[in-house]
Amino acid sequence: MKKFLKVLLNTILILVVVVAAGWYFYGDEIFSMLVPKENQIEQSAQDLTVTTEEPAVVAEPEPEAVNADTSILFTGDVEISTYVQSAYAAGGIGNVASDEIQGLMKDATFTMINNEFCFSERGQQAPDKQFTFRVNPSYVSILNELGVDIAGLANNHVLDFGHDALSDTFTTLTNAGIDFTGAGNSLEEASKLVIKTDEAGRTYGFLAASHVIPTGSWNVLNSQPGEFCFYDETDLLKAIEAARPQVDYLFVMVHWGVERTIELEDYQVNDGHKMIDAGADAVIGMHSHCLQPIEYYNGKPIFYSLGNFIFNQTIPSGGGGAVQVTVDADDNISYKIVPITATNACTRIDQGGYSYIESISNGISVNENGDLSY
C-alpha cells in the first residue's frame, strides 16, 4: 500500500510539473482555447486602446513690422577740430551735438556727412595752405556715436597731409564700419556708388565729387590716391547715368562754389541742372561755410550749400545745416531743412533759421518745422 501511495504521489508531482511547464510556455494558446472568442476580442480591444491627445497648437510668430518710412540725413561740413576734441574729452558726445541733433542723426535710416579732414597721424602738411585739417583716428568714435553711415571725401581738405594720410582715412573709416565715396586709389574707386537698402527693399545710391581742390595733383586722374573731381563734369555725369538704373533713389554730394557768400557761381547752377537731368534725385552742396539758396529744378531739389555742421567753436545762425529726406510707404519723397548753430563747439538746431533759408531762396517755402515746398 505504501508503495502504491508513493508511486501515486510521484505521478501527481510529475503531472504538476508538466502542467506548470506547459502553462509557462503555452499559456496564451491554452487561454485562447479555454476562453470564448468574443471575450478574447474584447480583451484585445482593451489592450490596444491608446489614449490620444490633441496635438498642441503652436502659434506662428507675428511677422516683424517693416518701418514704412525711410529717413536719410545729409549734413554740412564736419571737421573734428581741436575745439570739438576738447568738448568731447570734457563731456562726451553730448558736448558735441545736442540731444535733438543726436536724435536726428542716430534715428535716421542712413546718415551721410562731408568728411572735411583726414584721419591720420602721418604725412606732410600741404605747403602754402592756410588751413590744414588732420585728426587722430581714435576720434572716429565721434562719427560712430553720431550714427554716421557714409562719408563723402571729395573736398579741399582730405589730402591736406598727402597720400599716406588719405590712405589712413580709408582704413580708419572702413574699420569703423563707415562707407565712403569721392576718393580712392583709382577713378573707379573714387567714383564708386555706395548703395544702401532699407527694410522695404528700396535702394539708395550715394556719390560725391569736388570742384574745389588746391592743386591738380589732388585729382585722382593725376595722382593716386586722389579725389573724384568735376572741373570737367563728363566723368561725374557718366557716373550718375550709370548709377541711375542701379538704385531707386540717387543722391549726389558735391563740393563747389565760393566760401562765405550766398551768391552762386554760374557753373553751380549749370552743373546742378545737368546732374538732375542725368538722373540725380537731389544734389547736396558744400564748401561755402554758410547756407546757400535751395532751388527746385524739374521737381527735384538742389541744396547749393549746407555750410558747416560740426566744425569750429562757433557756427553763427545761417552758418550751416542739414537736410532730412523722408521716403514714405507709398514711395513719396519729401525734404526738410534743418538749420543749425553752434556755441562751445556744440551743434544745436537754430529755430530762427527757417525763415532765413526761405529768404535767400527763390520759389521755396519753409514752414516752422523746416518742411520744404515749392
Protein backbone atom coordinates (compact mmCIF):
# COMPACT_ATOMS: atom_id res chain seq x y z
CA MET A 1 0.00 0.00 0.00
CA LYS A 2 2.74 2.41 0.90
CA LYS A 3 4.45 1.64 -2.32
CA PHE A 4 1.24 2.44 -4.24
CA LEU A 5 0.82 5.81 -2.48
CA LYS A 6 4.42 6.68 -3.14
CA VAL A 7 4.01 5.95 -6.85
CA LEU A 8 0.78 7.97 -6.91
CA LEU A 9 2.38 10.99 -5.26
CA ASN A 10 5.31 10.88 -7.63
CA THR A 11 2.93 10.67 -10.57
CA ILE A 12 0.94 13.69 -9.30
CA LEU A 13 4.14 15.70 -8.79
CA ILE A 14 5.26 14.89 -12.31
CA LEU A 15 1.87 15.97 -13.71
CA VAL A 16 2.02 19.25 -11.73
CA VAL A 17 5.49 19.95 -13.08
CA VAL A 18 4.40 19.14 -16.65
CA VAL A 19 1.24 21.32 -16.39
CA ALA A 20 3.22 24.18 -14.89
CA ALA A 21 5.82 23.97 -17.62
CA GLY A 22 3.13 23.79 -20.28
CA TRP A 23 1.33 26.81 -18.88
CA TYR A 24 4.60 28.73 -18.73
CA PHE A 25 5.42 28.04 -22.37
CA TYR A 26 1.96 27.73 -23.93
CA GLY A 27 -0.31 29.68 -21.56
CA ASP A 28 -1.61 32.12 -24.21
CA GLU A 29 -2.63 29.32 -26.55
CA ILE A 30 -4.31 27.39 -23.74
CA PHE A 31 -6.10 30.62 -22.75
CA SER A 32 -7.40 31.07 -26.29
CA MET A 33 -8.79 27.52 -26.25
CA LEU A 34 -10.48 27.90 -22.87
CA VAL A 35 -11.85 31.47 -23.12
CA PRO A 36 -14.77 32.27 -25.50
CA LYS A 37 -13.70 34.13 -28.65
CA GLU A 38 -15.86 37.19 -28.01
CA ASN A 39 -14.13 37.68 -24.66
CA GLN A 40 -10.75 37.44 -26.36
CA ILE A 41 -11.72 40.18 -28.85
CA GLU A 42 -12.90 42.42 -26.04
CA GLN A 43 -9.67 41.87 -24.16
CA SER A 44 -7.58 42.55 -27.27
CA ALA A 45 -9.50 45.76 -27.89
CA GLN A 46 -8.81 46.87 -24.36
CA ASP A 47 -5.14 46.04 -24.75
CA LEU A 48 -4.96 48.02 -27.99
CA THR A 49 -6.85 51.05 -26.72
CA VAL A 50 -4.50 54.06 -26.78
CA THR A 51 -5.36 57.38 -25.26
CA THR A 52 -4.56 60.04 -27.80
CA GLU A 53 -4.17 63.76 -27.05
CA GLU A 54 -4.84 66.59 -29.44
CA PRO A 55 -1.52 68.00 -30.68
CA ALA A 56 -0.62 71.33 -29.09
CA VAL A 57 -1.31 74.26 -31.36
CA VAL A 58 1.86 76.35 -31.76
CA ALA A 59 1.10 79.96 -32.59
CA GLU A 60 3.10 81.26 -35.52
CA PRO A 61 5.21 84.30 -34.61
CA GLU A 62 3.89 87.62 -35.76
CA PRO A 63 5.88 88.97 -38.71
CA GLU A 64 8.21 91.78 -37.76
CA ALA A 65 6.81 95.17 -38.61
CA VAL A 66 8.54 96.87 -41.53
CA ASN A 67 9.35 100.50 -40.97
CA ALA A 68 7.29 102.16 -43.67
CA ASP A 69 9.22 105.44 -43.66
CA THR A 70 12.91 105.71 -44.50
CA SER A 71 14.85 108.75 -43.31
CA ILE A 72 18.17 109.94 -44.76
CA LEU A 73 20.15 112.79 -43.20
CA PHE A 74 22.80 114.79 -45.08
CA THR A 75 24.90 117.18 -43.01
CA GLY A 76 27.11 120.10 -43.89
CA ASP A 77 30.88 120.09 -43.40
CA VAL A 78 32.21 118.06 -40.46
CA GLU A 79 35.68 118.87 -39.12
CA ILE A 80 36.69 117.42 -35.76
CA SER A 81 38.69 120.50 -34.78
CA THR A 82 40.67 120.88 -31.56
CA TYR A 83 37.64 122.72 -30.15
CA VAL A 84 35.42 119.73 -30.89
CA GLN A 85 38.02 117.32 -29.49
CA SER A 86 38.24 119.31 -26.24
CA ALA A 87 34.45 119.43 -25.88
CA TYR A 88 34.25 115.69 -26.47
CA ALA A 89 37.00 114.96 -23.93
CA ALA A 90 35.26 117.10 -21.32
CA GLY A 91 31.72 115.80 -21.65
CA GLY A 92 31.36 113.16 -24.35
CA ILE A 93 29.12 113.29 -27.38
CA GLY A 94 26.59 115.49 -25.58
CA ASN A 95 29.15 118.30 -25.72
CA VAL A 96 29.48 117.91 -29.49
CA ALA A 97 25.81 117.68 -30.52
CA SER A 98 22.60 118.47 -28.66
CA ASP A 99 20.14 115.69 -27.85
CA GLU A 100 17.91 116.83 -30.72
CA ILE A 101 20.78 116.75 -33.24
CA GLN A 102 21.92 113.35 -31.95
CA GLY A 103 18.39 112.05 -32.35
CA LEU A 104 18.17 113.26 -35.96
CA MET A 105 21.47 111.60 -36.85
CA LYS A 106 21.10 108.33 -34.96
CA ASP A 107 17.42 107.82 -35.74
CA ALA A 108 17.94 108.32 -39.47
CA THR A 109 18.00 105.14 -41.51
CA PHE A 110 21.17 106.43 -43.18
CA THR A 111 23.34 109.46 -42.30
CA MET A 112 25.92 110.95 -44.66
CA ILE A 113 28.46 113.66 -43.80
CA ASN A 114 31.08 115.60 -45.71
CA ASN A 115 34.33 114.46 -44.01
CA GLU A 116 36.33 117.70 -44.24
CA PHE A 117 39.67 116.35 -42.91
CA CYS A 118 41.92 113.29 -42.95
CA PHE A 119 42.09 110.64 -40.21
CA SER A 120 45.82 110.10 -39.69
CA GLU A 121 48.95 110.82 -37.71
CA ARG A 122 51.18 110.61 -40.77
CA GLY A 123 52.05 112.81 -43.71
CA GLN A 124 53.49 116.20 -44.50
CA GLN A 125 51.38 119.33 -44.26
CA ALA A 126 50.40 120.79 -47.63
CA PRO A 127 52.62 123.80 -48.37
CA ASP A 128 51.20 127.31 -48.78
CA LYS A 129 47.81 126.30 -47.40
CA GLN A 130 46.33 128.49 -44.67
CA PHE A 131 44.13 125.83 -43.07
CA THR A 132 45.00 122.14 -42.89
CA PHE A 133 42.95 119.56 -41.04
CA ARG A 134 44.25 116.25 -39.67
CA VAL A 135 42.59 114.24 -36.88
CA ASN A 136 43.81 111.32 -34.77
CA PRO A 137 42.00 108.18 -35.98
CA SER A 138 40.74 107.47 -32.45
CA TYR A 139 38.23 110.30 -32.88
CA VAL A 140 36.30 108.24 -35.42
CA SER A 141 34.36 107.24 -32.30
CA ILE A 142 32.55 110.59 -32.61
CA LEU A 143 31.21 109.59 -36.02
CA ASN A 144 30.17 106.18 -34.70
CA GLU A 145 28.40 107.67 -31.70
CA LEU A 146 26.50 110.03 -34.00
CA GLY A 147 25.36 107.17 -36.23
CA VAL A 148 27.28 108.17 -39.37
CA ASP A 149 26.92 105.58 -42.13
CA ILE A 150 28.57 107.27 -45.14
CA ALA A 151 31.36 109.82 -45.50
CA GLY A 152 31.87 111.97 -48.57
CA LEU A 153 35.61 112.51 -49.11
CA ALA A 154 35.54 114.85 -52.10
CA ASN A 155 36.61 118.23 -50.70
CA ASN A 156 39.55 120.63 -50.36
CA HIS A 157 40.96 119.22 -47.09
CA VAL A 158 41.03 115.42 -47.22
CA LEU A 159 44.52 115.49 -48.82
CA ASP A 160 45.93 118.19 -46.53
CA PHE A 161 48.61 115.74 -45.34
CA GLY A 162 49.19 113.80 -48.52
CA HIS A 163 48.58 110.33 -49.88
CA ASP A 164 49.55 108.38 -46.76
CA ALA A 165 47.11 110.35 -44.63
CA LEU A 166 44.33 109.82 -47.18
CA SER A 167 45.05 106.08 -47.21
CA ASP A 168 44.86 106.09 -43.40
CA THR A 169 41.46 107.78 -43.74
CA PHE A 170 40.23 104.93 -45.94
CA THR A 171 41.45 102.40 -43.36
CA THR A 172 40.00 104.25 -40.38
CA LEU A 173 36.56 104.62 -41.91
CA THR A 174 36.50 101.02 -43.13
CA ASN A 175 37.48 99.68 -39.71
CA ALA A 176 34.74 101.83 -38.15
CA GLY A 177 32.12 100.37 -40.50
CA ILE A 178 31.58 103.65 -42.35
CA ASP A 179 31.26 103.59 -46.15
CA PHE A 180 32.94 106.34 -48.15
CA THR A 181 32.86 107.74 -51.66
CA GLY A 182 34.51 110.63 -53.50
CA ALA A 183 38.13 109.48 -53.10
CA GLY A 184 40.06 106.30 -53.79
CA ASN A 185 43.09 104.59 -55.28
CA SER A 186 41.69 104.86 -58.82
CA LEU A 187 38.96 106.68 -60.69
CA GLU A 188 36.79 103.59 -60.34
CA GLU A 189 37.19 103.59 -56.54
CA ALA A 190 36.85 107.35 -56.16
CA SER A 191 33.63 107.42 -58.17
CA LYS A 192 32.14 104.28 -56.63
CA LEU A 193 28.44 104.22 -55.90
CA VAL A 194 27.58 103.46 -52.28
CA ILE A 195 24.28 101.56 -52.20
CA LYS A 196 22.10 101.16 -49.13
CA THR A 197 18.87 99.15 -48.81
CA ASP A 198 16.01 99.88 -46.41
CA GLU A 199 13.67 97.41 -44.68
CA ALA A 200 11.17 97.68 -47.51
CA GLY A 201 13.83 96.62 -50.04
CA ARG A 202 14.20 100.07 -51.64
CA THR A 203 17.72 101.02 -52.72
CA TYR A 204 19.54 104.32 -52.29
CA GLY A 205 22.70 105.43 -54.10
CA PHE A 206 25.30 107.94 -52.93
CA LEU A 207 28.06 109.69 -54.92
CA ALA A 208 30.46 112.51 -54.02
CA ALA A 209 32.67 114.76 -56.18
CA SER A 210 34.59 118.02 -55.82
CA HIS A 211 35.03 121.14 -57.94
CA VAL A 212 37.34 122.68 -55.32
CA ILE A 213 40.89 121.37 -54.84
CA PRO A 214 44.03 123.45 -54.20
CA THR A 215 46.17 121.73 -56.81
CA GLY A 216 45.57 119.43 -59.78
CA SER A 217 47.56 116.64 -58.14
CA TRP A 218 44.63 116.01 -55.81
CA ASN A 219 42.56 114.82 -58.76
CA VAL A 220 42.54 111.02 -58.87
CA LEU A 221 43.14 111.24 -62.64
CA ASN A 222 46.53 112.85 -61.95
CA SER A 223 47.70 111.08 -58.82
CA GLN A 224 46.58 108.17 -56.66
CA PRO A 225 45.08 108.02 -54.16
CA GLY A 226 43.05 111.06 -55.05
CA GLU A 227 39.64 112.65 -55.34
CA PHE A 228 36.79 112.36 -57.80
CA CYS A 229 36.64 115.81 -59.41
CA PHE A 230 34.36 117.52 -61.89
CA TYR A 231 36.12 120.58 -63.27
CA ASP A 232 35.17 118.75 -66.41
CA GLU A 233 31.80 117.31 -65.44
CA THR A 234 31.91 114.48 -68.01
CA ASP A 235 33.04 111.73 -65.61
CA LEU A 236 30.56 112.79 -62.92
CA LEU A 237 27.64 112.83 -65.34
CA LYS A 238 28.67 109.38 -66.63
CA ALA A 239 28.78 108.10 -63.04
CA ILE A 240 25.28 109.47 -62.39
CA GLU A 241 23.91 107.95 -65.59
CA ALA A 242 25.49 104.58 -64.75
CA ALA A 243 24.14 104.70 -61.19
CA ARG A 244 20.57 105.63 -62.12
CA PRO A 245 19.33 102.16 -63.15
CA GLN A 246 21.03 100.51 -60.16
CA VAL A 247 19.01 102.24 -57.42
CA ASP A 248 15.56 103.58 -56.67
CA TYR A 249 16.85 106.92 -55.35
CA LEU A 250 20.12 108.66 -56.17
CA PHE A 251 21.85 111.46 -54.24
CA VAL A 252 24.95 113.41 -55.27
CA MET A 253 27.08 115.32 -52.74
CA VAL A 254 29.32 117.98 -54.27
CA HIS A 255 31.96 120.44 -53.05
CA TRP A 256 31.78 123.67 -55.07
CA GLY A 257 31.26 127.42 -55.16
CA VAL A 258 32.91 130.24 -53.24
CA GLU A 259 33.37 130.48 -49.48
CA ARG A 260 31.30 132.78 -47.25
CA THR A 261 28.80 134.03 -49.78
CA ILE A 262 25.24 133.20 -50.72
CA GLU A 263 25.98 134.19 -54.33
CA LEU A 264 26.15 131.24 -56.69
CA GLU A 265 28.70 130.69 -59.42
CA ASP A 266 27.26 130.16 -62.89
CA TYR A 267 28.76 126.68 -63.10
CA GLN A 268 26.97 125.63 -59.88
CA VAL A 269 23.60 126.29 -61.48
CA ASN A 270 24.58 124.78 -64.84
CA ASP A 271 26.18 121.66 -63.38
CA GLY A 272 23.43 121.23 -60.78
CA HIS A 273 20.84 121.14 -63.56
CA LYS A 274 22.93 118.68 -65.56
CA MET A 275 23.19 116.34 -62.57
CA ILE A 276 19.42 116.32 -62.16
CA ASP A 277 18.98 115.74 -65.91
CA ALA A 278 21.47 112.84 -65.70
CA GLY A 279 19.38 111.11 -63.04
CA ALA A 280 20.08 112.56 -59.58
CA ASP A 281 17.08 112.85 -57.27
CA ALA A 282 18.82 115.58 -55.26
CA VAL A 283 22.12 117.46 -55.28
CA ILE A 284 23.61 118.36 -51.89
CA GLY A 285 26.33 121.01 -51.95
CA MET A 286 29.08 122.03 -49.51
CA HIS A 287 32.12 124.32 -49.18
CA SER A 288 30.79 127.84 -48.62
CA HIS A 289 30.82 127.56 -44.78
CA CYS A 290 27.38 129.14 -44.84
CA LEU A 291 23.94 128.23 -46.11
CA GLN A 292 23.29 128.96 -49.77
CA PRO A 293 19.95 129.01 -51.65
CA ILE A 294 17.76 126.00 -52.38
CA GLU A 295 16.35 125.53 -55.85
CA TYR A 296 13.87 123.05 -57.27
CA TYR A 297 14.71 122.12 -60.85
CA ASN A 298 12.34 119.81 -62.74
CA GLY A 299 10.73 118.97 -59.42
CA LYS A 300 13.97 117.94 -57.72
CA PRO A 301 15.97 119.94 -55.15
CA ILE A 302 19.45 121.38 -55.35
CA PHE A 303 20.83 122.42 -51.97
CA TYR A 304 23.63 124.65 -53.15
CA SER A 305 25.42 124.54 -49.80
CA LEU A 306 24.66 123.25 -46.33
CA GLY A 307 27.60 125.19 -44.88
CA ASN A 308 29.10 123.82 -41.66
CA PHE A 309 27.66 121.28 -39.27
CA ILE A 310 30.33 120.27 -36.74
CA PHE A 311 33.35 122.49 -37.11
CA ASN A 312 34.87 125.25 -35.02
CA GLN A 313 33.98 126.61 -31.62
CA THR A 314 31.19 128.76 -33.06
CA ILE A 315 28.82 128.44 -36.02
CA PRO A 316 26.60 131.52 -36.38
CA SER A 317 22.96 131.49 -37.42
CA GLY A 318 22.90 130.96 -41.17
CA GLY A 319 26.25 129.21 -41.00
CA GLY A 320 25.13 125.69 -41.68
CA GLY A 321 22.58 122.93 -41.54
CA ALA A 322 21.42 119.52 -42.65
CA VAL A 323 18.78 118.03 -44.94
CA GLN A 324 16.38 115.32 -43.81
CA VAL A 325 14.94 113.21 -46.64
CA THR A 326 11.89 111.02 -46.00
CA VAL A 327 10.57 108.28 -48.28
CA ASP A 328 7.16 107.07 -47.09
CA ALA A 329 5.33 103.76 -47.55
CA ASP A 330 3.91 104.94 -50.88
CA ASP A 331 7.38 105.90 -52.17
CA ASN A 332 6.68 109.60 -51.88
CA ILE A 333 9.80 111.65 -51.15
CA SER A 334 9.89 114.82 -49.07
CA TYR A 335 12.61 117.15 -47.80
CA LYS A 336 13.15 119.08 -44.60
CA ILE A 337 15.89 121.64 -43.97
CA VAL A 338 17.50 121.68 -40.50
CA PRO A 339 19.34 124.97 -39.81
CA ILE A 340 21.95 124.75 -37.05
CA THR A 341 24.14 126.93 -34.90
CA ALA A 342 26.97 126.08 -32.50
CA THR A 343 28.48 127.50 -29.34
CA ASN A 344 31.32 125.96 -27.37
CA ALA A 345 31.73 123.53 -30.29
CA CYS A 346 28.28 122.01 -29.62
CA THR A 347 25.87 121.90 -32.58
CA ARG A 348 22.16 122.53 -31.99
CA ILE A 349 19.10 123.39 -34.08
CA ASP A 350 18.71 127.05 -34.97
CA GLN A 351 14.99 127.66 -34.52
CA GLY A 352 15.24 131.07 -36.19
CA GLY A 353 16.96 129.73 -39.27
CA TYR A 354 13.91 128.53 -41.24
CA SER A 355 12.80 131.98 -42.30
CA TYR A 356 16.38 132.84 -43.30
CA ILE A 357 16.61 129.90 -45.70
CA GLU A 358 13.31 130.90 -47.25
CA SER A 359 14.54 134.49 -47.64
CA ILE A 360 17.66 133.53 -49.64
CA SER A 361 15.87 131.03 -51.90
CA ASN A 362 13.54 131.77 -54.83
CA GLY A 363 10.20 129.97 -55.07
CA ILE A 364 10.76 127.95 -51.90
CA SER A 365 8.52 127.86 -48.84
CA VAL A 366 9.82 126.62 -45.47
CA ASN A 367 7.39 126.08 -42.61
CA GLU A 368 8.13 126.21 -38.88
CA ASN A 369 9.26 122.55 -38.96
CA GLY A 370 11.60 123.02 -41.91
CA ASP A 371 9.37 121.21 -44.42
CA LEU A 372 10.07 122.38 -47.97
CA SER A 373 7.51 123.14 -50.66
CA TYR A 374 7.73 124.96 -53.97
